[in-house]
């Protein structure tokens, strides 16, 4: 009888674990790539050239995931968060380095004790307790409305369509160009303004940072 009870309990436990695992079985972890390049393109307070970024872990929340990275900008750490699309959401600041992730939480190991920062189904809260440190969430820049993003017009010289394309930009301090999928907005002096296709963020770039192909494309649209 005792053996039967133990077997039944074991089967029930296996079923519970299987159910918990299956909640995310059909959900692919879309962890972002080249996070430093993404943050550098956004710029402003979201990027620091001295910041080194490392992956902490993916946080299962409901039927999706958040992807957490750590960055250090003296004297604080940044808890950098992406959703599962994956799109950059923003960051919290912390006195302590994040050490791991678990269901609905980022974990920290502080003075021999594991502390947690909770992530809910509604996404990062405006402010939260980060290992005993109250921190406000610094949101990613807002994307423009779809109507504002429709900037494809014929070029003034040749009628070549202005459209989203891959630009290859070599930034200061980097040996290799960074591929950027963007659309031309305007040219002023020795700078061009490009709008990133994925995040809808506009940035200015020196003509000297563009590839030969990029400069030829500008000529083709009358710039």
Protein backbone atom coordinates (compact mmCIF):
# COMPACT_ATOMS: atom_id res chain seq x y z
CA UNK A 1 0.00 0.00 0.00
CA UNK A 2 2.82 2.39 0.97
CA UNK A 3 4.62 1.52 -2.28
CA UNK A 4 1.47 2.37 -4.29
CA UNK A 5 1.11 5.74 -2.50
CA UNK A 6 4.75 6.58 -3.14
CA UNK A 7 4.38 5.63 -6.82
CA UNK A 8 1.23 7.74 -7.17
CA UNK A 9 2.95 10.70 -5.53
CA UNK A 10 5.96 10.28 -7.82
CA UNK A 11 3.75 10.22 -10.92
CA UNK A 12 1.92 13.35 -9.71
CA UNK A 13 5.24 15.14 -9.16
CA UNK A 14 6.46 14.22 -12.63
CA UNK A 15 3.20 15.52 -14.09
CA UNK A 16 3.59 18.85 -12.27
CA UNK A 17 7.17 19.27 -13.48
CA UNK A 18 6.19 18.32 -17.04
CA UNK A 19 3.36 20.86 -16.99
CA UNK A 20 5.70 23.59 -15.76
CA UNK A 21 8.26 22.81 -18.46
CA UNK A 22 5.66 22.60 -21.22
CA UNK A 23 4.53 26.16 -20.49
CA UNK A 24 7.60 27.33 -22.41
CA UNK A 25 8.12 24.33 -24.67
CA UNK A 26 6.57 26.01 -27.70
CA UNK A 27 8.17 29.39 -27.05
CA UNK A 28 11.50 30.00 -28.73
CA UNK A 29 14.12 31.94 -26.81
CA UNK A 30 14.84 34.83 -29.16
CA UNK A 31 17.95 36.09 -27.41
CA UNK A 32 19.31 39.25 -29.12
CA UNK A 33 22.70 39.27 -30.79
CA UNK A 34 25.34 42.02 -30.92
CA UNK A 35 23.82 43.79 -27.93
CA UNK A 36 26.69 46.27 -27.66
CA UNK A 37 26.10 47.33 -31.28
CA UNK A 38 22.37 47.77 -30.60
CA UNK A 39 23.04 49.97 -27.57
CA UNK A 40 25.71 51.94 -29.41
CA UNK A 41 23.26 52.72 -32.23
CA UNK A 42 20.67 53.95 -29.72
CA UNK A 43 23.30 56.04 -27.95
CA UNK A 44 22.53 58.70 -25.34
CA UNK A 45 22.26 57.46 -21.77
CA UNK A 46 21.78 53.90 -23.02
CA UNK A 47 25.39 53.56 -24.16
CA UNK A 48 28.83 54.16 -22.68
CA UNK A 49 31.91 53.32 -24.73
CA UNK A 50 33.65 51.96 -21.62
CA UNK A 51 30.77 49.60 -20.79
CA UNK A 52 31.32 45.88 -21.28
CA UNK A 53 28.12 43.87 -21.68
CA UNK A 54 27.66 40.21 -20.70
CA UNK A 55 24.68 37.87 -20.87
CA UNK A 56 23.10 36.98 -17.49
CA UNK A 57 20.24 34.70 -18.55
CA UNK A 58 16.70 34.39 -19.92
CA UNK A 59 13.82 34.91 -17.50
CA UNK A 60 10.67 32.85 -18.17
CA UNK A 61 7.54 34.87 -17.40
CA UNK A 62 4.18 33.30 -18.25
CA UNK A 63 4.47 32.07 -21.83
CA UNK A 64 7.37 34.28 -22.88
CA UNK A 65 10.92 35.24 -21.92
CA UNK A 66 12.90 38.34 -21.04
CA UNK A 67 16.61 38.38 -21.80
CA UNK A 68 18.87 40.02 -19.24
CA UNK A 69 22.37 41.42 -19.76
CA UNK A 70 24.75 43.07 -17.32
CA UNK A 71 26.81 46.18 -17.97
CA UNK A 72 29.12 48.13 -15.66
CA UNK A 73 29.40 51.91 -15.74
CA UNK A 74 31.43 53.04 -12.72
CA UNK A 75 30.20 53.01 -9.97
CA UNK A 76 27.02 51.00 -10.75
CA UNK A 77 25.87 47.97 -12.71
CA UNK A 78 23.14 48.07 -15.32
CA UNK A 79 20.48 45.40 -15.63
CA UNK A 80 19.80 45.57 -19.38
CA UNK A 81 16.53 44.00 -20.53
CA UNK A 82 15.23 42.79 -23.90
CA UNK A 83 11.86 41.21 -24.62
CA UNK A 84 11.46 38.06 -26.72
CA UNK A 85 10.88 39.75 -30.10
CA UNK A 86 13.72 40.62 -29.31
CA UNK A 87 13.53 44.38 -28.73
CA UNK A 88 15.49 46.51 -26.30
CA UNK A 89 13.28 47.73 -23.42
CA UNK A 90 15.71 49.66 -21.19
CA UNK A 91 17.70 49.19 -17.99
CA UNK A 92 17.78 49.43 -14.21
CA UNK A 93 20.82 50.46 -12.17
CA UNK A 94 22.10 48.31 -9.32
CA UNK A 95 24.78 48.44 -6.64
CA UNK A 96 25.33 44.72 -7.19
CA UNK A 97 26.16 42.58 -10.19
CA UNK A 98 23.38 40.21 -11.34
CA UNK A 99 24.53 36.59 -11.07
CA UNK A 100 21.71 34.58 -12.63
CA UNK A 101 18.04 34.21 -13.51
CA UNK A 102 15.09 32.05 -12.54
CA UNK A 103 11.31 32.00 -13.04
CA UNK A 104 10.15 35.65 -13.10
CA UNK A 105 13.33 36.96 -11.45
CA UNK A 106 16.92 38.11 -11.82
CA UNK A 107 19.12 36.94 -8.94
CA UNK A 108 22.01 38.56 -7.05
CA UNK A 109 24.41 37.02 -4.54
CA UNK A 110 24.91 39.60 -1.78
CA UNK A 111 26.90 38.86 1.40
CA UNK A 112 26.22 35.14 1.14
CA UNK A 113 22.49 35.60 0.50
CA UNK A 114 20.59 35.28 -2.77
CA UNK A 115 18.48 38.39 -3.48
CA UNK A 116 15.95 38.77 -6.29
CA UNK A 117 14.57 41.38 -8.68
CA UNK A 118 11.12 40.38 -9.95
CA UNK A 119 9.97 40.70 -13.56
CA UNK A 120 6.21 40.46 -14.09
CA UNK A 121 4.08 39.66 -17.13
CA UNK A 122 3.50 43.38 -17.69
CA UNK A 123 7.19 43.95 -18.32
CA UNK A 124 9.69 45.99 -16.28
CA UNK A 125 8.03 48.18 -13.62
CA UNK A 126 8.67 51.95 -13.54
CA UNK A 127 10.70 51.36 -10.38
CA UNK A 128 11.55 48.25 -8.43
CA UNK A 129 13.66 46.80 -5.64
CA UNK A 130 16.96 45.64 -7.11
CA UNK A 131 18.69 43.63 -4.36
CA UNK A 132 17.68 46.17 -1.71
CA UNK A 133 18.36 49.16 -3.97
CA UNK A 134 15.33 51.10 -5.28
CA UNK A 135 15.90 51.73 -8.97
CA UNK A 136 13.93 53.53 -11.68
CA UNK A 137 13.61 51.92 -15.10
CA UNK A 138 15.29 53.89 -17.90
CA UNK A 139 13.11 53.12 -20.92
CA UNK A 140 14.34 52.70 -24.47
CA UNK A 141 13.46 55.56 -26.86
CA UNK A 142 9.93 55.46 -28.23
CA UNK A 143 9.43 54.19 -31.76
CA UNK A 144 7.75 56.60 -34.18
CA UNK A 145 4.24 55.83 -35.39
CA UNK A 146 4.13 53.79 -38.65
CA UNK A 147 2.88 56.82 -40.59
CA UNK A 148 5.96 58.79 -39.52
CA UNK A 149 8.28 56.04 -40.70
CA UNK A 150 7.04 56.14 -44.32
CA UNK A 151 9.93 58.17 -45.73
CA UNK A 152 10.47 56.30 -49.03
CA UNK A 153 10.51 58.92 -51.80
CA UNK A 154 12.16 58.99 -55.23
CA UNK A 155 15.62 60.55 -55.26
CA UNK A 156 15.80 64.03 -56.79
CA UNK A 157 18.45 63.17 -59.36
CA UNK A 158 17.78 59.71 -60.74
CA UNK A 159 14.42 58.55 -59.38
CA UNK A 160 16.12 55.77 -57.36
CA UNK A 161 13.82 54.85 -54.48
CA UNK A 162 14.87 55.81 -50.97
CA UNK A 163 14.28 52.62 -49.00
CA UNK A 164 15.54 50.55 -46.11
CA UNK A 165 18.92 49.00 -46.94
CA UNK A 166 22.04 47.76 -45.20
CA UNK A 167 24.62 50.46 -44.47
CA UNK A 168 28.14 49.58 -43.32
CA UNK A 169 29.40 52.09 -40.78
CA UNK A 170 32.89 52.15 -39.28
CA UNK A 171 32.80 53.96 -35.93
CA UNK A 172 35.78 55.45 -34.12
CA UNK A 173 37.84 52.84 -32.32
CA UNK A 174 36.45 49.91 -34.35
CA UNK A 175 38.32 48.03 -37.07
CA UNK A 176 35.30 46.39 -38.67
CA UNK A 177 32.20 48.15 -40.04
CA UNK A 178 28.86 47.68 -38.28
CA UNK A 179 26.00 46.60 -40.59
CA UNK A 180 22.95 48.80 -39.98
CA UNK A 181 19.57 48.20 -41.62
CA UNK A 182 18.25 51.76 -42.02
CA UNK A 183 16.66 54.33 -44.32
CA UNK A 184 18.11 57.68 -45.42
CA UNK A 185 16.39 60.71 -43.84
CA UNK A 186 18.50 63.73 -44.71
CA UNK A 187 22.01 65.02 -45.43
CA UNK A 188 23.40 68.18 -43.83
CA UNK A 189 26.97 69.19 -44.48
CA UNK A 190 29.24 66.21 -43.86
CA UNK A 191 26.60 64.24 -41.93
CA UNK A 192 23.71 61.97 -42.89
CA UNK A 193 20.72 61.07 -40.74
CA UNK A 194 19.62 57.42 -40.87
CA UNK A 195 16.59 55.78 -39.25
CA UNK A 196 17.08 52.27 -37.91
CA UNK A 197 14.46 49.87 -39.33
CA UNK A 198 14.06 47.69 -36.22
CA UNK A 199 13.97 50.33 -33.48
CA UNK A 200 12.90 53.42 -35.44
CA UNK A 201 15.74 55.44 -33.89
CA UNK A 202 17.37 58.27 -35.88
CA UNK A 203 21.13 58.85 -35.66
CA UNK A 204 23.60 61.15 -37.41
CA UNK A 205 26.75 59.73 -39.00
CA UNK A 206 29.81 61.41 -40.52
CA UNK A 207 30.20 60.75 -44.23
CA UNK A 208 33.72 59.51 -43.46
CA UNK A 209 32.22 56.58 -41.48
CA UNK A 210 30.23 55.27 -44.46
CA UNK A 211 31.40 52.61 -46.89
CA UNK A 212 32.21 53.28 -50.56
CA UNK A 213 28.93 51.57 -51.53
CA UNK A 214 26.99 53.81 -49.11
CA UNK A 215 28.50 56.96 -50.65
CA UNK A 216 27.67 55.73 -54.14
CA UNK A 217 24.08 55.07 -53.04
CA UNK A 218 23.82 58.64 -51.73
CA UNK A 219 24.92 59.93 -55.12
CA UNK A 220 22.33 57.72 -56.80
CA UNK A 221 19.52 59.38 -54.86
CA UNK A 222 20.86 62.86 -55.56
CA UNK A 223 22.67 63.48 -52.27
